PDB file of N, CA and C in Angstrom:
ATOM      1  N   UNK A   1     140.674 104.770 151.123  1.00  0.00           N
ATOM      2  CA  UNK A   1     140.294 104.044 149.916  1.00  0.00           C
ATOM      3  C   UNK A   1     141.254 104.389 148.778  1.00  0.00           C
ATOM      4  N   UNK A   2     141.815 103.352 148.188  1.00  0.00           N
ATOM      5  CA  UNK A   2     142.759 103.551 147.092  1.00  0.00           C
ATOM      6  C   UNK A   2     142.014 103.951 145.820  1.00  0.00           C
ATOM      7  N   UNK A   3     142.523 104.985 145.163  1.00  0.00           N
ATOM      8  CA  UNK A   3     141.958 105.402 143.885  1.00  0.00           C
ATOM      9  C   UNK A   3     143.066 105.783 142.926  1.00  0.00           C
ATOM     10  N   UNK A   4     142.915 105.354 141.679  1.00  0.00           N
ATOM     11  CA  UNK A   4     143.738 105.807 140.563  1.00  0.00           C
ATOM     12  C   UNK A   4     142.762 106.287 139.501  1.00  0.00           C
ATOM     13  N   UNK A   5     142.832 107.569 139.189  1.00  0.00           N
ATOM     14  CA  UNK A   5     141.864 108.163 138.271  1.00  0.00           C
ATOM     15  C   UNK A   5     142.603 108.739 137.072  1.00  0.00           C
ATOM     16  N   UNK A   6     142.378 108.101 135.914  1.00  0.00           N
ATOM     17  CA  UNK A   6     143.017 108.551 134.678  1.00  0.00           C
ATOM     18  C   UNK A   6     142.170 109.634 134.005  1.00  0.00           C
ATOM     19  N   UNK A   7     142.851 110.501 133.275  1.00  0.00           N
ATOM     20  CA  UNK A   7     142.173 111.530 132.491  1.00  0.00           C
ATOM     21  C   UNK A   7     143.070 111.916 131.326  1.00  0.00           C
ATOM     22  N   UNK A   8     142.485 112.641 130.374  1.00  0.00           N
ATOM     23  CA  UNK A   8     143.268 113.154 129.256  1.00  0.00           C
ATOM     24  C   UNK A   8     143.104 112.408 127.949  1.00  0.00           C
ATOM     25  N   UNK A   9     142.358 111.316 127.975  1.00  0.00           N
ATOM     26  CA  UNK A   9     142.140 110.582 126.738  1.00  0.00           C
ATOM     27  C   UNK A   9     141.199 111.323 125.812  1.00  0.00           C
ATOM     28  N   UNK A  10     141.065 110.794 124.598  1.00  0.00           N
ATOM     29  CA  UNK A  10     140.164 111.417 123.632  1.00  0.00           C
ATOM     30  C   UNK A  10     140.465 110.970 122.226  1.00  0.00           C
ATOM     31  N   UNK A  11     139.895 111.697 121.286  1.00  0.00           N
ATOM     32  CA  UNK A  11     140.088 111.428 119.871  1.00  0.00           C
ATOM     33  C   UNK A  11     141.120 112.396 119.316  1.00  0.00           C
ATOM     34  N   UNK A  12     142.097 111.861 118.613  1.00  0.00           N
ATOM     35  CA  UNK A  12     143.160 112.695 118.043  1.00  0.00           C
ATOM     36  C   UNK A  12     143.518 112.158 116.667  1.00  0.00           C
ATOM     37  N   UNK A  13     143.951 113.050 115.789  1.00  0.00           N
ATOM     38  CA  UNK A  13     144.355 112.630 114.453  1.00  0.00           C
ATOM     39  C   UNK A  13     145.746 112.017 114.481  1.00  0.00           C
ATOM     40  N   UNK A  14     146.036 111.150 113.526  1.00  0.00           N
ATOM     41  CA  UNK A  14     147.403 110.612 113.435  1.00  0.00           C
ATOM     42  C   UNK A  14     148.433 111.737 113.379  1.00  0.00           C
ATOM     43  N   UNK A  15     149.514 111.546 114.125  1.00  0.00           N
ATOM     44  CA  UNK A  15     150.536 112.577 114.220  1.00  0.00           C
ATOM     45  C   UNK A  15     150.320 113.546 115.357  1.00  0.00           C
ATOM     46  N   UNK A  16     149.167 113.490 115.982  1.00  0.00           N
ATOM     47  CA  UNK A  16     148.849 114.388 117.070  1.00  0.00           C
ATOM     48  C   UNK A  16     149.422 113.944 118.407  1.00  0.00           C
ATOM     49  N   UNK A  17     149.078 114.710 119.443  1.00  0.00           N
ATOM     50  CA  UNK A  17     149.593 114.458 120.785  1.00  0.00           C
ATOM     51  C   UNK A  17     148.469 114.469 121.813  1.00  0.00           C
ATOM     52  N   UNK A  18     148.693 113.715 122.865  1.00  0.00           N
ATOM     53  CA  UNK A  18     147.820 113.732 124.035  1.00  0.00           C
ATOM     54  C   UNK A  18     148.691 113.581 125.269  1.00  0.00           C
ATOM     55  N   UNK A  19     148.193 114.109 126.378  1.00  0.00           N
ATOM     56  CA  UNK A  19     148.864 113.911 127.664  1.00  0.00           C
ATOM     57  C   UNK A  19     147.876 113.287 128.631  1.00  0.00           C
ATOM     58  N   UNK A  20     148.197 112.077 129.052  1.00  0.00           N
ATOM     59  CA  UNK A  20     147.368 111.399 130.037  1.00  0.00           C
ATOM     60  C   UNK A  20     147.871 111.712 131.439  1.00  0.00           C
ATOM     61  N   UNK A  21     146.936 111.774 132.373  1.00  0.00           N
ATOM     62  CA  UNK A  21     147.263 111.959 133.783  1.00  0.00           C
ATOM     63  C   UNK A  21     146.598 110.866 134.595  1.00  0.00           C
ATOM     64  N   UNK A  22     147.223 110.514 135.697  1.00  0.00           N
ATOM     65  CA  UNK A  22     146.653 109.532 136.620  1.00  0.00           C
ATOM     66  C   UNK A  22     146.868 110.071 138.028  1.00  0.00           C
ATOM     67  N   UNK A  23     145.775 110.460 138.668  1.00  0.00           N
ATOM     68  CA  UNK A  23     145.842 111.002 140.021  1.00  0.00           C
ATOM     69  C   UNK A  23     145.599 109.886 141.026  1.00  0.00           C
ATOM     70  N   UNK A  24     146.517 109.747 141.971  1.00  0.00           N
ATOM     71  CA  UNK A  24     146.454 108.672 142.954  1.00  0.00           C
ATOM     72  C   UNK A  24     146.078 109.199 144.330  1.00  0.00           C
ATOM     73  N   UNK A  25     145.399 108.362 145.090  1.00  0.00           N
ATOM     74  CA  UNK A  25     145.084 108.699 146.473  1.00  0.00           C
ATOM     75  C   UNK A  25     144.860 107.423 147.258  1.00  0.00           C
ATOM     76  N   UNK A  26     145.003 107.526 148.571  1.00  0.00           N
ATOM     77  CA  UNK A  26     144.727 106.385 149.437  1.00  0.00           C
ATOM     78  C   UNK A  26     145.902 105.472 149.701  1.00  0.00           C
ATOM     79  N   UNK A  27     147.086 105.805 149.179  1.00  0.00           N
ATOM     80  CA  UNK A  27     148.291 105.028 149.450  1.00  0.00           C
ATOM     81  C   UNK A  27     149.499 105.948 149.310  1.00  0.00           C
ATOM     82  N   UNK A  28     150.654 105.467 149.730  1.00  0.00           N
ATOM     83  CA  UNK A  28     151.874 106.280 149.708  1.00  0.00           C
ATOM     84  C   UNK A  28     152.466 106.250 148.298  1.00  0.00           C
ATOM     85  N   UNK A  29     152.019 107.172 147.482  1.00  0.00           N
ATOM     86  CA  UNK A  29     152.361 107.204 146.060  1.00  0.00           C
ATOM     87  C   UNK A  29     153.871 107.123 145.827  1.00  0.00           C
ATOM     88  N   UNK A  30     154.639 107.832 146.623  1.00  0.00           N
ATOM     89  CA  UNK A  30     156.085 107.914 146.391  1.00  0.00           C
ATOM     90  C   UNK A  30     156.812 106.602 146.636  1.00  0.00           C
ATOM     91  N   UNK A  31     156.132 105.614 147.187  1.00  0.00           N
ATOM     92  CA  UNK A  31     156.743 104.307 147.446  1.00  0.00           C
ATOM     93  C   UNK A  31     156.470 103.298 146.331  1.00  0.00           C
ATOM     94  N   UNK A  32     155.722 103.693 145.329  1.00  0.00           N
ATOM     95  CA  UNK A  32     155.273 102.776 144.288  1.00  0.00           C
ATOM     96  C   UNK A  32     155.864 103.129 142.938  1.00  0.00           C
ATOM     97  N   UNK A  33     156.297 102.083 142.211  1.00  0.00           N
ATOM     98  CA  UNK A  33     156.562 102.263 140.790  1.00  0.00           C
ATOM     99  C   UNK A  33     155.225 102.422 140.085  1.00  0.00           C
ATOM    100  N   UNK A  34     155.221 103.246 139.050  1.00  0.00           N
ATOM    101  CA  UNK A  34     153.982 103.502 138.314  1.00  0.00           C
ATOM    102  C   UNK A  34     154.161 103.114 136.850  1.00  0.00           C
ATOM    103  N   UNK A  35     153.119 102.582 136.293  1.00  0.00           N
ATOM    104  CA  UNK A  35     153.166 102.147 134.898  1.00  0.00           C
ATOM    105  C   UNK A  35     151.896 102.549 134.173  1.00  0.00           C
ATOM    106  N   UNK A  36     152.017 102.625 132.860  1.00  0.00           N
ATOM    107  CA  UNK A  36     150.861 102.731 131.982  1.00  0.00           C
ATOM    108  C   UNK A  36     150.785 101.457 131.165  1.00  0.00           C
ATOM    109  N   UNK A  37     149.607 100.885 131.114  1.00  0.00           N
ATOM    110  CA  UNK A  37     149.294  99.749 130.266  1.00  0.00           C
ATOM    111  C   UNK A  37     148.219 100.184 129.269  1.00  0.00           C
ATOM    112  N   UNK A  38     148.101  99.420 128.194  1.00  0.00           N
ATOM    113  CA  UNK A  38     146.998  99.671 127.276  1.00  0.00           C
ATOM    114  C   UNK A  38     146.445  98.352 126.770  1.00  0.00           C
ATOM    115  N   UNK A  39     145.170  98.406 126.400  1.00  0.00           N
ATOM    116  CA  UNK A  39     144.536  97.224 125.838  1.00  0.00           C
ATOM    117  C   UNK A  39     143.596  97.646 124.729  1.00  0.00           C
ATOM    118  N   UNK A  40     143.868  97.136 123.554  1.00  0.00           N
ATOM    119  CA  UNK A  40     143.022  97.379 122.400  1.00  0.00           C
ATOM    120  C   UNK A  40     142.024  96.239 122.272  1.00  0.00           C
ATOM    121  N   UNK A  41     140.893  96.483 121.631  1.00  0.00           N
ATOM    122  CA  UNK A  41     139.883  95.421 121.478  1.00  0.00           C
ATOM    123  C   UNK A  41     140.471  94.173 120.825  1.00  0.00           C
ATOM    124  N   UNK A  42     140.243  93.040 121.450  1.00  0.00           N
ATOM    125  CA  UNK A  42     140.703  91.777 120.903  1.00  0.00           C
ATOM    126  C   UNK A  42     142.181  91.499 121.058  1.00  0.00           C
ATOM    127  N   UNK A  43     142.882  92.367 121.794  1.00  0.00           N
ATOM    128  CA  UNK A  43     144.316  92.186 121.971  1.00  0.00           C
ATOM    129  C   UNK A  43     144.668  92.015 123.444  1.00  0.00           C
ATOM    130  N   UNK A  44     145.866  91.471 123.676  1.00  0.00           N
ATOM    131  CA  UNK A  44     146.368  91.322 125.036  1.00  0.00           C
ATOM    132  C   UNK A  44     146.721  92.692 125.613  1.00  0.00           C
ATOM    133  N   UNK A  45     146.637  92.783 126.935  1.00  0.00           N
ATOM    134  CA  UNK A  45     147.081  94.002 127.601  1.00  0.00           C
ATOM    135  C   UNK A  45     148.588  94.155 127.413  1.00  0.00           C
ATOM    136  N   UNK A  46     149.022  95.364 127.141  1.00  0.00           N
ATOM    137  CA  UNK A  46     150.427  95.643 126.832  1.00  0.00           C
ATOM    138  C   UNK A  46     150.988  96.672 127.815  1.00  0.00           C
ATOM    139  N   UNK A  47     152.178  96.378 128.332  1.00  0.00           N
ATOM    140  CA  UNK A  47     152.880  97.344 129.174  1.00  0.00           C
ATOM    141  C   UNK A  47     153.487  98.409 128.263  1.00  0.00           C
ATOM    142  N   UNK A  48     153.132  99.664 128.508  1.00  0.00           N
ATOM    143  CA  UNK A  48     153.588 100.768 127.666  1.00  0.00           C
ATOM    144  C   UNK A  48     154.834 101.434 128.238  1.00  0.00           C
ATOM    145  N   UNK A  49     154.779 101.790 129.517  1.00  0.00           N
ATOM    146  CA  UNK A  49     155.888 102.517 130.127  1.00  0.00           C
ATOM    147  C   UNK A  49     155.837 102.358 131.635  1.00  0.00           C
ATOM    148  N   UNK A  50     157.016 102.394 132.248  1.00  0.00           N
ATOM    149  CA  UNK A  50     157.146 102.275 133.697  1.00  0.00           C
ATOM    150  C   UNK A  50     158.112 103.327 134.202  1.00  0.00           C
ATOM    151  N   UNK A  51     157.836 103.858 135.387  1.00  0.00           N
ATOM    152  CA  UNK A  51     158.739 104.798 136.045  1.00  0.00           C
ATOM    153  C   UNK A  51     158.917 104.358 137.493  1.00  0.00           C
ATOM    154  N   UNK A  52     160.148 104.393 137.959  1.00  0.00           N
ATOM    155  CA  UNK A  52     160.432 103.968 139.323  1.00  0.00           C
ATOM    156  C   UNK A  52     159.888 104.989 140.322  1.00  0.00           C
ATOM    157  N   UNK A  53     159.889 104.593 141.585  1.00  0.00           N
ATOM    158  CA  UNK A  53     159.301 105.444 142.622  1.00  0.00           C
ATOM    159  C   UNK A  53     159.995 106.800 142.728  1.00  0.00           C
ATOM    160  N   UNK A  54     161.315 106.817 142.454  1.00  0.00           N
ATOM    161  CA  UNK A  54     162.078 108.056 142.541  1.00  0.00           C
ATOM    162  C   UNK A  54     162.191 108.776 141.202  1.00  0.00           C
ATOM    163  N   UNK A  55     161.617 108.166 140.166  1.00  0.00           N
ATOM    164  CA  UNK A  55     161.675 108.710 138.802  1.00  0.00           C
ATOM    165  C   UNK A  55     163.049 108.605 138.162  1.00  0.00           C
ATOM    166  N   UNK A  56     163.957 107.867 138.778  1.00  0.00           N
ATOM    167  CA  UNK A  56     165.313 107.751 138.213  1.00  0.00           C
ATOM    168  C   UNK A  56     165.374 106.772 137.051  1.00  0.00           C
ATOM    169  N   UNK A  57     164.437 105.830 137.027  1.00  0.00           N
ATOM    170  CA  UNK A  57     164.467 104.789 136.002  1.00  0.00           C
ATOM    171  C   UNK A  57     163.138 104.792 135.255  1.00  0.00           C
ATOM    172  N   UNK A  58     163.234 104.783 133.930  1.00  0.00           N
ATOM    173  CA  UNK A  58     162.051 104.638 133.093  1.00  0.00           C
ATOM    174  C   UNK A  58     162.299 103.553 132.052  1.00  0.00           C
ATOM    175  N   UNK A  59     161.244 102.883 131.659  1.00  0.00           N
ATOM    176  CA  UNK A  59     161.320 101.864 130.613  1.00  0.00           C
ATOM    177  C   UNK A  59     160.111 101.994 129.710  1.00  0.00           C
ATOM    178  N   UNK A  60     160.323 101.656 128.425  1.00  0.00           N
ATOM    179  CA  UNK A  60     159.268 101.803 127.444  1.00  0.00           C
ATOM    180  C   UNK A  60     159.166 100.569 126.567  1.00  0.00           C
ATOM    181  N   UNK A  61     157.966 100.293 126.108  1.00  0.00           N
ATOM    182  CA  UNK A  61     157.789  99.286 125.074  1.00  0.00           C
ATOM    183  C   UNK A  61     158.449  99.777 123.795  1.00  0.00           C
ATOM    184  N   UNK A  62     158.980  98.847 123.021  1.00  0.00           N
ATOM    185  CA  UNK A  62     159.651  99.234 121.777  1.00  0.00           C
ATOM    186  C   UNK A  62     158.715 100.010 120.860  1.00  0.00           C
ATOM    187  N   UNK A  63     157.444  99.686 120.919  1.00  0.00           N
ATOM    188  CA  UNK A  63     156.471 100.307 120.019  1.00  0.00           C
ATOM    189  C   UNK A  63     156.249 101.790 120.297  1.00  0.00           C
ATOM    190  N   UNK A  64     156.660 102.269 121.483  1.00  0.00           N
ATOM    191  CA  UNK A  64     156.410 103.677 121.816  1.00  0.00           C
ATOM    192  C   UNK A  64     157.694 104.456 122.087  1.00  0.00           C
ATOM    193  N   UNK A  65     158.831 103.792 122.075  1.00  0.00           N
ATOM    194  CA  UNK A  65     160.092 104.478 122.362  1.00  0.00           C
ATOM    195  C   UNK A  65     160.316 105.644 121.401  1.00  0.00           C
ATOM    196  N   UNK A  66     160.712 106.767 121.976  1.00  0.00           N
ATOM    197  CA  UNK A  66     160.961 107.953 121.166  1.00  0.00           C
ATOM    198  C   UNK A  66     159.719 108.781 120.905  1.00  0.00           C
ATOM    199  N   UNK A  67     158.550 108.241 121.229  1.00  0.00           N
ATOM    200  CA  UNK A  67     157.293 108.980 121.005  1.00  0.00           C
ATOM    201  C   UNK A  67     156.577 109.307 122.323  1.00  0.00           C
ATOM    202  N   UNK A  68     156.667 108.399 123.296  1.00  0.00           N
ATOM    203  CA  UNK A  68     155.968 108.570 124.573  1.00  0.00           C
ATOM    204  C   UNK A  68     156.988 108.871 125.671  1.00  0.00           C
ATOM    205  N   UNK A  69     156.543 109.667 126.656  1.00  0.00           N
ATOM    206  CA  UNK A  69     157.379 109.968 127.818  1.00  0.00           C
ATOM    207  C   UNK A  69     156.544 109.836 129.082  1.00  0.00           C
ATOM    208  N   UNK A  70     157.028 109.025 130.008  1.00  0.00           N
ATOM    209  CA  UNK A  70     156.362 108.879 131.297  1.00  0.00           C
ATOM    210  C   UNK A  70     157.087 109.759 132.310  1.00  0.00           C
ATOM    211  N   UNK A  71     156.307 110.386 133.194  1.00  0.00           N
ATOM    212  CA  UNK A  71     156.887 111.222 134.247  1.00  0.00           C
ATOM    213  C   UNK A  71     155.965 111.164 135.456  1.00  0.00           C
ATOM    214  N   UNK A  72     156.452 111.672 136.565  1.00  0.00           N
ATOM    215  CA  UNK A  72     155.642 111.655 137.779  1.00  0.00           C
ATOM    216  C   UNK A  72     155.949 112.884 138.620  1.00  0.00           C
ATOM    217  N   UNK A  73     154.969 113.273 139.422  1.00  0.00           N
ATOM    218  CA  UNK A  73     155.117 114.361 140.379  1.00  0.00           C
ATOM    219  C   UNK A  73     154.670 113.793 141.727  1.00  0.00           C
ATOM    220  N   UNK A  74     155.637 113.418 142.552  1.00  0.00           N
ATOM    221  CA  UNK A  74     155.288 112.788 143.828  1.00  0.00           C
ATOM    222  C   UNK A  74     154.589 113.757 144.775  1.00  0.00           C
ATOM    223  N   UNK A  75     154.843 115.037 144.631  1.00  0.00           N
ATOM    224  CA  UNK A  75     154.164 116.026 145.472  1.00  0.00           C
ATOM    225  C   UNK A  75     152.679 116.095 145.154  1.00  0.00           C
ATOM    226  N   UNK A  76     152.325 115.791 143.902  1.00  0.00           N
ATOM    227  CA  UNK A  76     150.921 115.815 143.480  1.00  0.00           C
ATOM    228  C   UNK A  76     150.322 114.422 143.376  1.00  0.00           C
ATOM    229  N   UNK A  77     151.125 113.398 143.677  1.00  0.00           N
ATOM    230  CA  UNK A  77     150.657 112.001 143.578  1.00  0.00           C
ATOM    231  C   UNK A  77     150.049 111.736 142.196  1.00  0.00           C
ATOM    232  N   UNK A  78     150.759 112.144 141.180  1.00  0.00           N
ATOM    233  CA  UNK A  78     150.251 112.029 139.813  1.00  0.00           C
ATOM    234  C   UNK A  78     151.344 111.516 138.887  1.00  0.00           C
ATOM    235  N   UNK A  79     150.938 110.645 137.987  1.00  0.00           N
ATOM    236  CA  UNK A  79     151.828 110.158 136.937  1.00  0.00           C
ATOM    237  C   UNK A  79     151.251 110.587 135.598  1.00  0.00           C
ATOM    238  N   UNK A  80     152.138 110.864 134.658  1.00  0.00           N
ATOM    239  CA  UNK A  80     151.739 111.383 133.357  1.00  0.00           C
ATOM    240  C   UNK A  80     152.275 110.491 132.242  1.00  0.00           C
ATOM    241  N   UNK A  81     151.603 110.558 131.106  1.00  0.00           N
ATOM    242  CA  UNK A  81     152.116 109.921 129.895  1.00  0.00           C
ATOM    243  C   UNK A  81     151.919 110.911 128.752  1.00  0.00           C
ATOM    244  N   UNK A  82     153.022 111.477 128.296  1.00  0.00           N
ATOM    245  CA  UNK A  82     153.000 112.372 127.147  1.00  0.00           C
ATOM    246  C   UNK A  82     153.138 111.531 125.890  1.00  0.00           C
ATOM    247  N   UNK A  83     152.163 111.616 125.023  1.00  0.00           N
ATOM    248  CA  UNK A  83     152.137 110.796 123.817  1.00  0.00           C
ATOM    249  C   UNK A  83     152.193 111.697 122.594  1.00  0.00           C
ATOM    250  N   UNK A  84     153.269 111.566 121.829  1.00  0.00           N
ATOM    251  CA  UNK A  84     153.458 112.358 120.616  1.00  0.00           C
ATOM    252  C   UNK A  84     153.480 111.449 119.391  1.00  0.00           C
ATOM    253  N   UNK A  85     153.327 112.043 118.233  1.00  0.00           N
ATOM    254  CA  UNK A  85     153.371 111.304 116.966  1.00  0.00           C
ATOM    255  C   UNK A  85     152.466 110.074 117.021  1.00  0.00           C
ATOM    256  N   UNK A  86     151.265 110.279 117.463  1.00  0.00           N
ATOM    257  CA  UNK A  86     150.345 109.162 117.664  1.00  0.00           C
ATOM    258  C   UNK A  86     149.975 108.495 116.355  1.00  0.00           C
ATOM    259  N   UNK A  87     149.805 107.175 116.439  1.00  0.00           N
ATOM    260  CA  UNK A  87     149.471 106.342 115.295  1.00  0.00           C
ATOM    261  C   UNK A  87     148.141 105.644 115.553  1.00  0.00           C
ATOM    262  N   UNK A  88     147.449 105.235 114.498  1.00  0.00           N
ATOM    263  CA  UNK A  88     146.189 104.507 114.716  1.00  0.00           C
ATOM    264  C   UNK A  88     146.359 103.275 115.606  1.00  0.00           C
ATOM    265  N   UNK A  89     147.515 102.633 115.527  1.00  0.00           N
ATOM    266  CA  UNK A  89     147.742 101.439 116.347  1.00  0.00           C
ATOM    267  C   UNK A  89     147.939 101.759 117.825  1.00  0.00           C
ATOM    268  N   UNK A  90     147.994 103.034 118.182  1.00  0.00           N
ATOM    269  CA  UNK A  90     148.031 103.422 119.600  1.00  0.00           C
ATOM    270  C   UNK A  90     146.634 103.462 120.213  1.00  0.00           C
ATOM    271  N   UNK A  91     145.620 103.283 119.400  1.00  0.00           N
ATOM    272  CA  UNK A  91     144.246 103.287 119.895  1.00  0.00           C
ATOM    273  C   UNK A  91     144.029 102.162 120.894  1.00  0.00           C
ATOM    274  N   UNK A  92     143.568 102.506 122.082  1.00  0.00           N
ATOM    275  CA  UNK A  92     143.371 101.530 123.155  1.00  0.00           C
ATOM    276  C   UNK A  92     142.801 102.243 124.376  1.00  0.00           C
ATOM    277  N   UNK A  93     142.413 101.440 125.348  1.00  0.00           N
ATOM    278  CA  UNK A  93     142.129 101.976 126.676  1.00  0.00           C
ATOM    279  C   UNK A  93     143.434 101.937 127.470  1.00  0.00           C
ATOM    280  N   UNK A  94     143.806 103.083 128.020  1.00  0.00           N
ATOM    281  CA  UNK A  94     145.056 103.207 128.766  1.00  0.00           C
ATOM    282  C   UNK A  94     144.747 103.206 130.263  1.00  0.00           C
ATOM    283  N   UNK A  95     145.443 102.320 130.978  1.00  0.00           N
ATOM    284  CA  UNK A  95     145.258 102.179 132.417  1.00  0.00           C
ATOM    285  C   UNK A  95     146.553 102.516 133.138  1.00  0.00           C
ATOM    286  N   UNK A  96     146.457 103.189 134.274  1.00  0.00           N
ATOM    287  CA  UNK A  96     147.642 103.339 135.092  1.00  0.00           C
ATOM    288  C   UNK A  96     147.639 102.274 136.182  1.00  0.00           C
ATOM    289  N   UNK A  97     148.837 101.966 136.643  1.00  0.00           N
ATOM    290  CA  UNK A  97     149.055 100.875 137.570  1.00  0.00           C
ATOM    291  C   UNK A  97     150.094 101.290 138.591  1.00  0.00           C
ATOM    292  N   UNK A  98     149.843 100.963 139.845  1.00  0.00           N
ATOM    293  CA  UNK A  98     150.805 101.210 140.919  1.00  0.00           C
ATOM    294  C   UNK A  98     151.283  99.873 141.453  1.00  0.00           C
ATOM    295  N   UNK A  99     152.586  99.731 141.653  1.00  0.00           N
ATOM    296  CA  UNK A  99     153.147  98.471 142.119  1.00  0.00           C
ATOM    297  C   UNK A  99     154.202  98.715 143.182  1.00  0.00           C
ATOM    298  N   UNK A 100     154.077  97.964 144.269  1.00  0.00           N
ATOM    299  CA  UNK A 100     155.114  97.954 145.300  1.00  0.00           C
ATOM    300  C   UNK A 100     155.425  96.499 145.611  1.00  0.00           C
ATOM    301  N   UNK A 101     156.692  96.141 145.742  1.00  0.00           N
ATOM    302  CA  UNK A 101     157.065  94.748 146.015  1.00  0.00           C
ATOM    303  C   UNK A 101     157.698  94.563 147.385  1.00  0.00           C
ATOM    304  N   UNK A 102     158.075  95.637 148.044  1.00  0.00           N
ATOM    305  CA  UNK A 102     158.665  95.579 149.380  1.00  0.00           C
ATOM    306  C   UNK A 102     157.853  96.472 150.310  1.00  0.00           C
ATOM    307  N   UNK A 103     157.427  95.991 151.471  1.00  0.00           N
ATOM    308  CA  UNK A 103     157.662  94.689 152.090  1.00  0.00           C
ATOM    309  C   UNK A 103     156.802  93.565 151.535  1.00  0.00           C
ATOM    310  N   UNK A 104     155.782  93.873 150.815  1.00  0.00           N
ATOM    311  CA  UNK A 104     154.919  92.862 150.210  1.00  0.00           C
ATOM    312  C   UNK A 104     154.349  93.408 148.919  1.00  0.00           C
ATOM    313  N   UNK A 105     153.915  92.489 148.049  1.00  0.00           N
ATOM    314  CA  UNK A 105     153.408  92.929 146.748  1.00  0.00           C
ATOM    315  C   UNK A 105     152.030  93.559 146.914  1.00  0.00           C
ATOM    316  N   UNK A 106     151.921  94.790 146.434  1.00  0.00           N
ATOM    317  CA  UNK A 106     150.640  95.481 146.362  1.00  0.00           C
ATOM    318  C   UNK A 106     150.527  96.117 144.987  1.00  0.00           C
ATOM    319  N   UNK A 107     149.387  95.929 144.359  1.00  0.00           N
ATOM    320  CA  UNK A 107     149.177  96.449 143.007  1.00  0.00           C
ATOM    321  C   UNK A 107     147.780  97.029 142.916  1.00  0.00           C
ATOM    322  N   UNK A 108     147.711  98.198 142.319  1.00  0.00           N
ATOM    323  CA  UNK A 108     146.429  98.867 142.128  1.00  0.00           C
ATOM    324  C   UNK A 108     146.270  99.271 140.671  1.00  0.00           C
ATOM    325  N   UNK A 109     145.006  99.298 140.210  1.00  0.00           N
ATOM    326  CA  UNK A 109     144.689  99.645 138.826  1.00  0.00           C
ATOM    327  C   UNK A 109     143.677 100.777 138.771  1.00  0.00           C
ATOM    328  N   UNK A 110     143.805 101.603 137.756  1.00  0.00           N
ATOM    329  CA  UNK A 110     142.785 102.581 137.460  1.00  0.00           C
ATOM    330  C   UNK A 110     141.764 102.015 136.485  1.00  0.00           C
ATOM    331  N   UNK A 111     140.678 102.765 136.281  1.00  0.00           N
ATOM    332  CA  UNK A 111     139.596 102.308 135.412  1.00  0.00           C
ATOM    333  C   UNK A 111     139.909 102.474 133.938  1.00  0.00           C
ATOM    334  N   UNK A 112     140.810 103.366 133.610  1.00  0.00           N
ATOM    335  CA  UNK A 112     141.219 103.522 132.227  1.00  0.00           C
ATOM    336  C   UNK A 112     140.625 104.746 131.557  1.00  0.00           C
ATOM    337  N   UNK A 113     141.327 105.180 130.502  1.00  0.00           N
ATOM    338  CA  UNK A 113     140.847 106.281 129.676  1.00  0.00           C
ATOM    339  C   UNK A 113     141.055 105.898 128.205  1.00  0.00           C
ATOM    340  N   UNK A 114     140.062 106.168 127.391  1.00  0.00           N
ATOM    341  CA  UNK A 114     140.094 105.762 125.993  1.00  0.00           C
ATOM    342  C   UNK A 114     140.911 106.750 125.164  1.00  0.00           C
ATOM    343  N   UNK A 115     141.812 106.204 124.372  1.00  0.00           N
ATOM    344  CA  UNK A 115     142.565 106.995 123.396  1.00  0.00           C
ATOM    345  C   UNK A 115     142.245 106.438 122.014  1.00  0.00           C
ATOM    346  N   UNK A 116     141.765 107.293 121.141  1.00  0.00           N
ATOM    347  CA  UNK A 116     141.432 106.892 119.779  1.00  0.00           C
ATOM    348  C   UNK A 116     142.202 107.777 118.809  1.00  0.00           C
ATOM    349  N   UNK A 117     142.978 107.135 117.949  1.00  0.00           N
ATOM    350  CA  UNK A 117     143.765 107.858 116.950  1.00  0.00           C
ATOM    351  C   UNK A 117     143.179 107.536 115.583  1.00  0.00           C
ATOM    352  N   UNK A 118     142.559 108.540 114.990  1.00  0.00           N
ATOM    353  CA  UNK A 118     141.856 108.320 113.731  1.00  0.00           C
ATOM    354  C   UNK A 118     141.684 109.638 113.000  1.00  0.00           C
ATOM    355  N   UNK A 119     141.685 109.554 111.678  1.00  0.00           N
ATOM    356  CA  UNK A 119     141.436 110.741 110.867  1.00  0.00           C
ATOM    357  C   UNK A 119     139.962 110.830 110.503  1.00  0.00           C
TER     358      UNK A 119
END
């Protein structure tokens, strides 16, 4: 059974930091690109960051560049999102996503973890 379980969310003051984790099981983690998405109330889901299966390539939304860092540990089947200098506009539910396109498209989603940035 495929599972993606996010953790590490919470309430933090502006300027603070959080580290999200997403533990994967039930599939070959090292074969999948991993991403973090977020969705704030009343807004479209936004791609935050992506890391390739080998961790050689990372991409970030312009809104988080220089503040967020995505990383992965294939031995632990876990992907991380280090979030620094948090802003109120970073408030959202953060979901991790696994994607493989070869030999066929397979995509999995986690349930999400709430991040609230407020004083």
